[in-house]
């Protein structure tokens, strides 16, 4: 059983450990080298922003399951690498906490990331913004909601560089006014 990595270095280590366990350490080293290169390429496209935009990752399965992610989650390094500040982490969240209207308003995210599956379960962006607190955030007021398939942001794996590159591009697109 391998731990879920929550840093890029942890991801590289996990791939190496998995390759070692499968008896193919050189293949693991090749995958790590390619992934490291792809992540560095993605990072080179991340613009410097001052101040960094606050980004909230919200996990939902419908209006009754709304969680704000924070530190020690796979979403934190992606948000930070893309040039954002993880508002969950900044709010003192370790792991996940239930979203309350007061907490999401206080976190004041400039951008909200939600899983595509969760957004669909809420009835789309209008459904998300109908939940108390969300429309009162800078992200809600300005319609800066990004959604991605669960597997792209909740796990670290071979597609991490693609997910990071997409997030960097999408943040640049929605933050053109900042």
N, C-alpha and C. Protein backbone atom coordinates (compact mmCIF):
# COMPACT_ATOMS: atom_id res chain seq x y z
N UNK A 1 0.86 -1.17 0.00
CA UNK A 1 0.00 0.00 0.00
C UNK A 1 0.90 1.22 0.00
N UNK A 2 0.67 2.09 -1.00
CA UNK A 2 1.46 3.30 -1.11
C UNK A 2 0.60 4.50 -0.72
N UNK A 3 1.21 5.45 -0.04
CA UNK A 3 0.50 6.66 0.35
C UNK A 3 0.15 7.49 -0.89
N UNK A 4 -0.91 8.25 -0.77
CA UNK A 4 -1.29 9.18 -1.83
C UNK A 4 -0.36 10.38 -1.73
N UNK A 5 0.38 10.68 -2.79
CA UNK A 5 1.30 11.82 -2.71
C UNK A 5 0.54 13.14 -2.78
N UNK A 6 1.05 14.13 -2.06
CA UNK A 6 0.44 15.46 -2.09
C UNK A 6 1.46 16.53 -2.45
N UNK A 7 2.57 16.09 -3.05
CA UNK A 7 3.57 17.00 -3.59
C UNK A 7 4.09 16.38 -4.88
N UNK A 8 4.70 17.21 -5.71
CA UNK A 8 5.27 16.68 -6.95
C UNK A 8 6.40 15.69 -6.63
N UNK A 9 7.23 16.01 -5.65
CA UNK A 9 8.31 15.08 -5.28
C UNK A 9 7.75 13.76 -4.77
N UNK A 10 6.65 13.84 -4.02
CA UNK A 10 5.99 12.62 -3.56
C UNK A 10 5.45 11.78 -4.71
N UNK A 11 4.96 12.45 -5.75
CA UNK A 11 4.49 11.75 -6.94
C UNK A 11 5.64 11.00 -7.61
N UNK A 12 6.76 11.67 -7.78
CA UNK A 12 7.90 11.03 -8.42
C UNK A 12 8.37 9.83 -7.60
N UNK A 13 8.38 9.99 -6.28
CA UNK A 13 8.79 8.90 -5.39
C UNK A 13 7.83 7.72 -5.49
N UNK A 14 6.53 8.00 -5.54
CA UNK A 14 5.54 6.93 -5.62
C UNK A 14 5.69 6.14 -6.92
N UNK A 15 5.91 6.83 -8.01
CA UNK A 15 6.11 6.15 -9.29
C UNK A 15 7.34 5.25 -9.20
N UNK A 16 8.41 5.76 -8.62
CA UNK A 16 9.62 4.95 -8.44
C UNK A 16 9.37 3.74 -7.56
N UNK A 17 8.65 3.94 -6.46
CA UNK A 17 8.34 2.83 -5.56
C UNK A 17 7.47 1.78 -6.24
N UNK A 18 6.49 2.24 -7.00
CA UNK A 18 5.61 1.31 -7.71
C UNK A 18 6.39 0.53 -8.76
N UNK A 19 7.25 1.21 -9.50
CA UNK A 19 8.07 0.54 -10.50
C UNK A 19 9.00 -0.48 -9.85
N UNK A 20 9.54 -0.12 -8.71
CA UNK A 20 10.42 -1.05 -7.97
C UNK A 20 9.63 -2.29 -7.55
N UNK A 21 8.43 -2.08 -7.01
CA UNK A 21 7.59 -3.20 -6.57
C UNK A 21 7.20 -4.11 -7.73
N UNK A 22 7.07 -3.54 -8.93
CA UNK A 22 6.72 -4.32 -10.11
C UNK A 22 7.94 -4.92 -10.81
N UNK A 23 9.13 -4.60 -10.29
CA UNK A 23 10.35 -5.16 -10.86
C UNK A 23 10.80 -4.47 -12.14
N UNK A 24 10.35 -3.22 -12.35
CA UNK A 24 10.74 -2.48 -13.56
C UNK A 24 11.26 -1.08 -13.18
N UNK A 25 12.29 -1.02 -12.33
CA UNK A 25 12.76 0.28 -11.85
C UNK A 25 13.23 1.21 -12.96
N UNK A 26 13.81 0.69 -14.02
CA UNK A 26 14.28 1.58 -15.09
C UNK A 26 13.09 2.21 -15.83
N UNK A 27 12.01 1.46 -16.00
CA UNK A 27 10.81 2.04 -16.61
C UNK A 27 10.24 3.14 -15.72
N UNK A 28 10.26 2.91 -14.43
CA UNK A 28 9.80 3.94 -13.49
C UNK A 28 10.64 5.19 -13.58
N UNK A 29 11.94 5.02 -13.67
CA UNK A 29 12.84 6.17 -13.79
C UNK A 29 12.56 6.94 -15.08
N UNK A 30 12.27 6.22 -16.15
CA UNK A 30 11.94 6.88 -17.42
C UNK A 30 10.64 7.68 -17.31
N UNK A 31 9.65 7.09 -16.67
CA UNK A 31 8.36 7.77 -16.49
C UNK A 31 8.55 9.02 -15.63
N UNK A 32 9.31 8.89 -14.56
CA UNK A 32 9.56 10.04 -13.67
C UNK A 32 10.27 11.15 -14.44
N UNK A 33 11.28 10.80 -15.22
CA UNK A 33 12.02 11.81 -15.98
C UNK A 33 11.11 12.53 -16.97
N UNK A 34 10.26 11.78 -17.65
CA UNK A 34 9.34 12.40 -18.62
C UNK A 34 8.30 13.27 -17.91
N UNK A 35 7.76 12.77 -16.82
CA UNK A 35 6.75 13.52 -16.08
C UNK A 35 7.35 14.79 -15.48
N UNK A 36 8.54 14.67 -14.91
CA UNK A 36 9.22 15.83 -14.33
C UNK A 36 9.45 16.90 -15.41
N UNK A 37 9.88 16.47 -16.58
CA UNK A 37 10.10 17.40 -17.69
C UNK A 37 8.79 18.05 -18.13
N UNK A 38 7.72 17.26 -18.23
CA UNK A 38 6.43 17.79 -18.64
C UNK A 38 5.88 18.78 -17.61
N UNK A 39 6.07 18.50 -16.34
CA UNK A 39 5.61 19.42 -15.29
C UNK A 39 6.43 20.70 -15.33
N UNK A 40 7.74 20.59 -15.51
CA UNK A 40 8.57 21.79 -15.61
C UNK A 40 8.19 22.63 -16.83
N UNK A 41 7.84 21.98 -17.93
CA UNK A 41 7.38 22.71 -19.11
C UNK A 41 6.07 23.44 -18.81
N UNK A 42 5.15 22.77 -18.15
CA UNK A 42 3.88 23.40 -17.78
C UNK A 42 4.14 24.59 -16.86
N UNK A 43 5.03 24.42 -15.89
CA UNK A 43 5.33 25.49 -14.94
C UNK A 43 5.92 26.72 -15.62
N UNK A 44 6.64 26.50 -16.70
CA UNK A 44 7.27 27.63 -17.39
C UNK A 44 6.23 28.56 -18.01
N UNK A 45 5.01 28.08 -18.17
CA UNK A 45 3.93 28.90 -18.74
C UNK A 45 3.12 29.63 -17.67
N UNK A 46 3.40 29.37 -16.41
CA UNK A 46 2.63 30.01 -15.33
C UNK A 46 3.11 31.45 -15.14
N UNK A 47 2.20 32.41 -15.33
CA UNK A 47 2.61 33.80 -15.15
C UNK A 47 2.76 34.15 -13.67
N UNK A 48 3.61 35.12 -13.41
CA UNK A 48 3.74 35.65 -12.05
C UNK A 48 2.62 36.66 -11.85
N UNK A 49 1.88 36.50 -10.79
CA UNK A 49 0.81 37.45 -10.48
C UNK A 49 1.03 38.01 -9.08
N UNK A 50 0.78 39.31 -8.95
CA UNK A 50 0.88 39.93 -7.64
C UNK A 50 -0.28 40.88 -7.49
N UNK A 51 -1.22 40.59 -6.66
CA UNK A 51 -1.25 39.44 -5.75
C UNK A 51 -1.67 38.17 -6.48
N UNK A 52 -1.35 37.06 -5.86
CA UNK A 52 -1.77 35.78 -6.41
C UNK A 52 -3.28 35.63 -6.19
N UNK A 53 -3.98 35.12 -7.18
CA UNK A 53 -5.42 34.93 -7.01
C UNK A 53 -5.72 33.83 -6.00
N UNK A 54 -6.76 34.05 -5.22
CA UNK A 54 -7.21 33.02 -4.29
C UNK A 54 -8.07 32.01 -5.04
N UNK A 55 -7.74 30.74 -4.88
CA UNK A 55 -8.44 29.67 -5.58
C UNK A 55 -8.97 28.67 -4.56
N UNK A 56 -10.25 28.37 -4.67
CA UNK A 56 -10.87 27.37 -3.79
C UNK A 56 -11.16 26.12 -4.60
N UNK A 57 -10.81 24.97 -4.05
CA UNK A 57 -11.24 23.71 -4.64
C UNK A 57 -12.39 23.20 -3.79
N UNK A 58 -13.55 23.06 -4.44
CA UNK A 58 -14.75 22.58 -3.76
C UNK A 58 -15.13 21.23 -4.35
N UNK A 59 -15.29 20.27 -3.48
CA UNK A 59 -15.74 18.94 -3.91
C UNK A 59 -17.22 18.84 -3.57
N UNK A 60 -18.01 18.41 -4.55
CA UNK A 60 -19.44 18.29 -4.32
C UNK A 60 -19.98 17.02 -4.97
N UNK A 61 -21.00 16.50 -4.35
CA UNK A 61 -21.78 15.40 -4.93
C UNK A 61 -23.24 15.82 -4.96
N UNK A 62 -23.48 17.10 -4.85
CA UNK A 62 -24.81 17.66 -4.78
C UNK A 62 -24.85 18.65 -3.64
N UNK A 63 -25.97 19.35 -3.43
CA UNK A 63 -26.02 20.40 -2.42
C UNK A 63 -25.79 19.92 -0.99
N UNK A 64 -25.95 18.62 -0.73
CA UNK A 64 -25.75 18.11 0.62
C UNK A 64 -24.31 17.72 0.92
N UNK A 65 -23.46 17.67 -0.11
CA UNK A 65 -22.04 17.33 0.08
C UNK A 65 -21.21 18.42 -0.58
N UNK A 66 -20.77 19.36 0.23
CA UNK A 66 -19.94 20.46 -0.24
C UNK A 66 -18.73 20.55 0.67
N UNK A 67 -17.55 20.20 0.12
CA UNK A 67 -16.33 20.19 0.92
C UNK A 67 -15.31 21.16 0.34
N UNK A 68 -14.66 21.93 1.20
CA UNK A 68 -13.56 22.79 0.82
C UNK A 68 -12.27 22.04 1.12
N UNK A 69 -11.42 21.92 0.11
CA UNK A 69 -10.13 21.25 0.28
C UNK A 69 -9.09 22.25 0.77
N UNK A 70 -8.10 21.73 1.49
CA UNK A 70 -7.02 22.56 2.00
C UNK A 70 -5.68 21.86 1.87
N UNK A 71 -4.83 22.06 2.85
CA UNK A 71 -3.49 21.47 2.80
C UNK A 71 -3.57 19.96 2.89
N UNK A 72 -2.51 19.32 2.45
CA UNK A 72 -2.39 17.86 2.45
C UNK A 72 -3.34 17.18 1.49
N UNK A 73 -3.83 17.93 0.52
CA UNK A 73 -4.68 17.38 -0.54
C UNK A 73 -3.93 17.56 -1.87
N UNK A 74 -4.25 16.73 -2.85
CA UNK A 74 -3.56 16.81 -4.13
C UNK A 74 -3.84 18.11 -4.87
N UNK A 75 -4.90 18.79 -4.51
CA UNK A 75 -5.26 20.03 -5.18
C UNK A 75 -4.35 21.20 -4.80
N UNK A 76 -3.83 21.21 -3.59
CA UNK A 76 -3.00 22.33 -3.13
C UNK A 76 -1.77 22.57 -4.00
N UNK A 77 -0.95 21.55 -4.28
CA UNK A 77 0.23 21.84 -5.10
C UNK A 77 -0.12 22.25 -6.53
N UNK A 78 -1.23 21.75 -7.06
CA UNK A 78 -1.64 22.15 -8.41
C UNK A 78 -2.04 23.62 -8.43
N UNK A 79 -2.83 24.05 -7.46
CA UNK A 79 -3.25 25.45 -7.38
C UNK A 79 -2.04 26.35 -7.21
N UNK A 80 -1.15 25.99 -6.31
CA UNK A 80 0.02 26.83 -6.05
C UNK A 80 0.98 26.85 -7.23
N UNK A 81 1.17 25.71 -7.89
CA UNK A 81 2.06 25.66 -9.04
C UNK A 81 1.51 26.47 -10.21
N UNK A 82 0.18 26.57 -10.28
CA UNK A 82 -0.46 27.34 -11.36
C UNK A 82 -0.44 28.84 -11.07
N UNK A 83 0.10 29.23 -9.93
CA UNK A 83 0.22 30.65 -9.61
C UNK A 83 -0.87 31.19 -8.71
N UNK A 84 -1.64 30.30 -8.09
CA UNK A 84 -2.70 30.73 -7.20
C UNK A 84 -2.35 30.49 -5.74
N UNK A 85 -3.20 31.00 -4.88
CA UNK A 85 -3.13 30.74 -3.45
C UNK A 85 -4.31 29.86 -3.10
N UNK A 86 -4.07 28.74 -2.46
CA UNK A 86 -5.14 27.84 -2.05
C UNK A 86 -5.85 28.46 -0.85
N UNK A 87 -7.08 28.96 -1.06
CA UNK A 87 -7.78 29.64 0.02
C UNK A 87 -8.17 28.69 1.15
N UNK A 88 -8.35 27.41 0.84
CA UNK A 88 -8.62 26.45 1.91
C UNK A 88 -7.43 26.36 2.85
N UNK A 89 -6.25 26.22 2.28
CA UNK A 89 -5.02 26.16 3.08
C UNK A 89 -4.84 27.47 3.85
N UNK A 90 -5.04 28.60 3.17
CA UNK A 90 -4.89 29.91 3.82
C UNK A 90 -5.89 30.09 4.96
N UNK A 91 -7.03 29.41 4.87
CA UNK A 91 -8.05 29.50 5.91
C UNK A 91 -7.79 28.53 7.06
N UNK A 92 -6.71 27.76 6.95
CA UNK A 92 -6.36 26.82 8.01
C UNK A 92 -6.94 25.43 7.85
N UNK A 93 -7.47 25.12 6.67
CA UNK A 93 -8.05 23.80 6.44
C UNK A 93 -6.94 22.79 6.17
N UNK A 94 -6.96 21.70 6.90
CA UNK A 94 -6.10 20.55 6.62
C UNK A 94 -7.04 19.43 6.20
N UNK A 95 -6.81 18.90 5.01
CA UNK A 95 -7.73 17.90 4.49
C UNK A 95 -8.96 18.59 3.93
N UNK A 96 -10.13 18.24 4.45
CA UNK A 96 -11.36 18.85 3.96
C UNK A 96 -12.24 19.28 5.12
N UNK A 97 -13.09 20.28 4.85
CA UNK A 97 -14.12 20.69 5.80
C UNK A 97 -15.40 20.96 5.01
N UNK A 98 -16.52 20.84 5.68
CA UNK A 98 -17.79 21.19 5.06
C UNK A 98 -17.82 22.68 4.78
N UNK A 99 -18.36 23.03 3.61
CA UNK A 99 -18.46 24.43 3.24
C UNK A 99 -19.70 25.03 3.90
N UNK A 100 -19.50 26.13 4.60
CA UNK A 100 -20.62 26.90 5.11
C UNK A 100 -20.67 28.21 4.33
N UNK A 101 -21.82 28.85 4.27
CA UNK A 101 -21.88 30.13 3.56
C UNK A 101 -20.88 31.14 4.12
N UNK A 102 -20.76 31.18 5.43
CA UNK A 102 -19.84 32.14 6.06
C UNK A 102 -18.39 31.84 5.71
N UNK A 103 -18.04 30.56 5.67
CA UNK A 103 -16.66 30.17 5.39
C UNK A 103 -16.28 30.49 3.95
N UNK A 104 -17.17 30.22 2.99
CA UNK A 104 -16.81 30.48 1.60
C UNK A 104 -16.74 31.98 1.33
N UNK A 105 -17.62 32.75 1.96
CA UNK A 105 -17.56 34.20 1.81
C UNK A 105 -16.27 34.74 2.44
N UNK A 106 -15.92 34.24 3.63
CA UNK A 106 -14.70 34.69 4.30
C UNK A 106 -13.45 34.30 3.51
N UNK A 107 -13.46 33.14 2.88
CA UNK A 107 -12.30 32.71 2.08
C UNK A 107 -12.14 33.58 0.84
N UNK A 108 -13.21 34.13 0.34
CA UNK A 108 -13.23 35.08 -0.78
C UNK A 108 -12.42 34.63 -1.99
N UNK A 109 -12.69 33.43 -2.50
CA UNK A 109 -11.90 32.98 -3.65
C UNK A 109 -12.16 33.84 -4.89
N UNK A 110 -11.09 34.08 -5.63
CA UNK A 110 -11.21 34.76 -6.92
C UNK A 110 -11.66 33.78 -7.99
N UNK A 111 -11.35 32.49 -7.77
CA UNK A 111 -11.70 31.42 -8.70
C UNK A 111 -12.15 30.22 -7.87
N UNK A 112 -13.19 29.55 -8.33
CA UNK A 112 -13.63 28.31 -7.69
C UNK A 112 -13.42 27.19 -8.69
N UNK A 113 -12.76 26.13 -8.23
CA UNK A 113 -12.61 24.91 -9.02
C UNK A 113 -13.53 23.87 -8.38
N UNK A 114 -14.27 23.19 -9.22
CA UNK A 114 -15.17 22.14 -8.76
C UNK A 114 -15.09 21.00 -9.76
N UNK A 115 -15.36 19.79 -9.31
CA UNK A 115 -15.34 18.68 -10.26
C UNK A 115 -16.51 18.82 -11.23
N UNK A 116 -16.31 18.36 -12.44
CA UNK A 116 -17.38 18.39 -13.45
C UNK A 116 -18.58 17.60 -12.97
N UNK A 117 -18.30 16.46 -12.33
CA UNK A 117 -19.38 15.61 -11.82
C UNK A 117 -20.17 16.33 -10.74
N UNK A 118 -19.48 17.04 -9.87
CA UNK A 118 -20.14 17.79 -8.81
C UNK A 118 -20.96 18.94 -9.35
N UNK A 119 -20.40 19.66 -10.33
CA UNK A 119 -21.12 20.78 -10.92
C UNK A 119 -22.38 20.28 -11.61
N UNK A 120 -22.28 19.16 -12.29
CA UNK A 120 -23.45 18.58 -12.96
C UNK A 120 -24.51 18.19 -11.93
N UNK A 121 -24.08 17.59 -10.81
CA UNK A 121 -25.03 17.19 -9.76
C UNK A 121 -25.75 18.38 -9.15
N UNK A 122 -25.12 19.56 -9.21
CA UNK A 122 -25.74 20.77 -8.68
C UNK A 122 -26.64 21.47 -9.70
N UNK A 123 -26.63 20.98 -10.92
CA UNK A 123 -27.42 21.62 -11.96
C UNK A 123 -26.66 22.69 -12.71
N UNK A 124 -25.34 22.61 -12.69
CA UNK A 124 -24.51 23.57 -13.42
C UNK A 124 -24.12 24.77 -12.56
N UNK A 125 -23.54 25.75 -13.22
CA UNK A 125 -23.04 26.93 -12.52
C UNK A 125 -24.16 27.66 -11.77
N UNK A 126 -25.33 27.76 -12.37
CA UNK A 126 -26.46 28.42 -11.69
C UNK A 126 -26.81 27.69 -10.39
N UNK A 127 -26.74 26.37 -10.41
CA UNK A 127 -27.01 25.60 -9.20
C UNK A 127 -25.97 25.84 -8.12
N UNK A 128 -24.71 25.94 -8.51
CA UNK A 128 -23.65 26.23 -7.54
C UNK A 128 -23.87 27.61 -6.93
N UNK A 129 -24.16 28.59 -7.79
CA UNK A 129 -24.30 29.96 -7.30
C UNK A 129 -25.59 30.16 -6.50
N UNK A 130 -26.52 29.22 -6.58
CA UNK A 130 -27.74 29.30 -5.78
C UNK A 130 -27.51 28.84 -4.35
N UNK A 131 -26.39 28.15 -4.10
CA UNK A 131 -26.06 27.70 -2.75
C UNK A 131 -25.58 28.92 -1.96
N UNK A 132 -26.16 29.15 -0.77
CA UNK A 132 -25.81 30.35 -0.01
C UNK A 132 -24.30 30.53 0.15
N UNK A 133 -23.86 31.74 -0.14
CA UNK A 133 -22.46 32.13 0.02
C UNK A 133 -21.68 32.17 -1.28
N UNK A 134 -21.94 31.26 -2.19
CA UNK A 134 -21.12 31.17 -3.40
C UNK A 134 -21.25 32.39 -4.30
N UNK A 135 -22.45 32.89 -4.48
CA UNK A 135 -22.65 34.06 -5.35
C UNK A 135 -22.03 35.32 -4.74
N UNK A 136 -21.80 35.31 -3.44
CA UNK A 136 -21.23 36.49 -2.77
C UNK A 136 -19.71 36.52 -2.79
N UNK A 137 -19.08 35.51 -3.34
CA UNK A 137 -17.61 35.50 -3.45
C UNK A 137 -17.19 36.25 -4.71
N UNK A 138 -15.95 36.74 -4.77
CA UNK A 138 -15.48 37.35 -6.02
C UNK A 138 -15.62 36.39 -7.21
N UNK A 139 -15.35 35.11 -7.00
CA UNK A 139 -15.48 34.12 -8.08
C UNK A 139 -16.92 34.02 -8.55
N UNK A 140 -17.85 33.96 -7.61
CA UNK A 140 -19.26 33.85 -7.95
C UNK A 140 -19.78 35.10 -8.64
N UNK A 141 -19.42 36.27 -8.11
CA UNK A 141 -19.87 37.53 -8.72
C UNK A 141 -19.39 37.69 -10.15
N UNK A 142 -18.15 37.22 -10.41
CA UNK A 142 -17.55 37.40 -11.73
C UNK A 142 -17.63 36.17 -12.63
N UNK A 143 -18.29 35.12 -12.14
CA UNK A 143 -18.47 33.91 -12.95
C UNK A 143 -17.18 33.16 -13.23
N UNK A 144 -16.24 33.21 -12.29
CA UNK A 144 -14.96 32.51 -12.48
C UNK A 144 -15.02 31.14 -11.81
N UNK A 145 -15.72 30.23 -12.49
CA UNK A 145 -15.90 28.86 -12.02
C UNK A 145 -15.25 27.95 -13.06
N UNK A 146 -14.34 27.11 -12.61
CA UNK A 146 -13.69 26.14 -13.49
C UNK A 146 -14.08 24.74 -13.03
N UNK A 147 -14.38 23.88 -13.98
CA UNK A 147 -14.69 22.50 -13.60
C UNK A 147 -13.84 21.53 -14.41
N UNK A 148 -13.44 20.48 -13.75
CA UNK A 148 -12.59 19.45 -14.34
C UNK A 148 -13.05 18.08 -13.87
N UNK A 149 -12.82 17.05 -14.68
CA UNK A 149 -13.15 15.69 -14.25
C UNK A 149 -12.43 15.33 -12.95
N UNK A 150 -13.11 14.59 -12.09
CA UNK A 150 -12.54 14.22 -10.78
C UNK A 150 -11.13 13.68 -10.87
N UNK A 151 -10.89 12.77 -11.78
CA UNK A 151 -9.59 12.12 -11.86
C UNK A 151 -8.44 13.07 -12.20
N UNK A 152 -8.76 14.23 -12.75
CA UNK A 152 -7.69 15.16 -13.13
C UNK A 152 -7.10 15.90 -11.94
N UNK A 153 -7.86 16.09 -10.88
CA UNK A 153 -7.37 16.88 -9.76
C UNK A 153 -7.34 16.16 -8.43
N UNK A 154 -8.00 15.03 -8.34
CA UNK A 154 -8.03 14.34 -7.05
C UNK A 154 -6.97 13.27 -6.94
N UNK A 155 -6.27 13.01 -8.01
CA UNK A 155 -5.19 12.03 -7.95
C UNK A 155 -3.97 12.60 -8.66
N UNK A 156 -2.82 12.17 -8.21
CA UNK A 156 -1.58 12.51 -8.89
C UNK A 156 -1.19 11.29 -9.70
N UNK A 157 -0.90 11.47 -10.95
CA UNK A 157 -0.52 10.36 -11.80
C UNK A 157 0.07 10.85 -13.09
N UNK A 158 0.08 10.01 -14.10
CA UNK A 158 0.72 10.34 -15.37
C UNK A 158 0.12 11.56 -16.07
N UNK A 159 -1.14 11.92 -15.76
CA UNK A 159 -1.77 13.08 -16.41
C UNK A 159 -1.60 14.37 -15.62
N UNK A 160 -0.82 14.36 -14.57
CA UNK A 160 -0.67 15.54 -13.72
C UNK A 160 -0.15 16.74 -14.50
N UNK A 161 0.81 16.53 -15.38
CA UNK A 161 1.35 17.66 -16.15
C UNK A 161 0.28 18.24 -17.06
N UNK A 162 -0.54 17.39 -17.67
CA UNK A 162 -1.63 17.88 -18.53
C UNK A 162 -2.63 18.69 -17.71
N UNK A 163 -2.98 18.18 -16.54
CA UNK A 163 -3.93 18.89 -15.67
C UNK A 163 -3.37 20.24 -15.25
N UNK A 164 -2.09 20.28 -14.91
CA UNK A 164 -1.45 21.52 -14.50
C UNK A 164 -1.42 22.52 -15.64
N UNK A 165 -1.04 22.06 -16.83
CA UNK A 165 -0.99 22.96 -17.99
C UNK A 165 -2.38 23.53 -18.29
N UNK A 166 -3.41 22.71 -18.19
CA UNK A 166 -4.78 23.17 -18.43
C UNK A 166 -5.20 24.19 -17.38
N UNK A 167 -4.88 23.93 -16.12
CA UNK A 167 -5.23 24.87 -15.05
C UNK A 167 -4.51 26.20 -15.25
N UNK A 168 -3.25 26.18 -15.61
CA UNK A 168 -2.51 27.41 -15.85
C UNK A 168 -3.18 28.22 -16.96
N UNK A 169 -3.52 27.56 -18.05
CA UNK A 169 -4.17 28.25 -19.18
C UNK A 169 -5.54 28.78 -18.77
N UNK A 170 -6.32 27.96 -18.06
CA UNK A 170 -7.66 28.38 -17.67
C UNK A 170 -7.64 29.53 -16.67
N UNK A 171 -6.70 29.51 -15.72
CA UNK A 171 -6.58 30.63 -14.78
C UNK A 171 -6.24 31.91 -15.54
N UNK A 172 -5.33 31.81 -16.48
CA UNK A 172 -4.97 33.00 -17.27
C UNK A 172 -6.20 33.52 -18.02
N UNK A 173 -6.99 32.61 -18.53
CA UNK A 173 -8.18 33.01 -19.28
C UNK A 173 -9.22 33.72 -18.41
N UNK A 174 -9.51 33.16 -17.23
CA UNK A 174 -10.55 33.76 -16.38
C UNK A 174 -10.07 34.96 -15.59
N UNK A 175 -8.76 35.12 -15.50
CA UNK A 175 -8.21 36.23 -14.70
C UNK A 175 -7.70 37.37 -15.59
N UNK A 176 -8.15 37.46 -16.80
CA UNK A 176 -7.66 38.50 -17.70
C UNK A 176 -7.92 39.89 -17.17
N UNK A 177 -8.89 40.02 -16.26
CA UNK A 177 -9.19 41.34 -15.70
C UNK A 177 -8.34 41.68 -14.49
N UNK A 178 -7.48 40.77 -14.04
CA UNK A 178 -6.66 41.06 -12.86
C UNK A 178 -5.28 41.50 -13.25
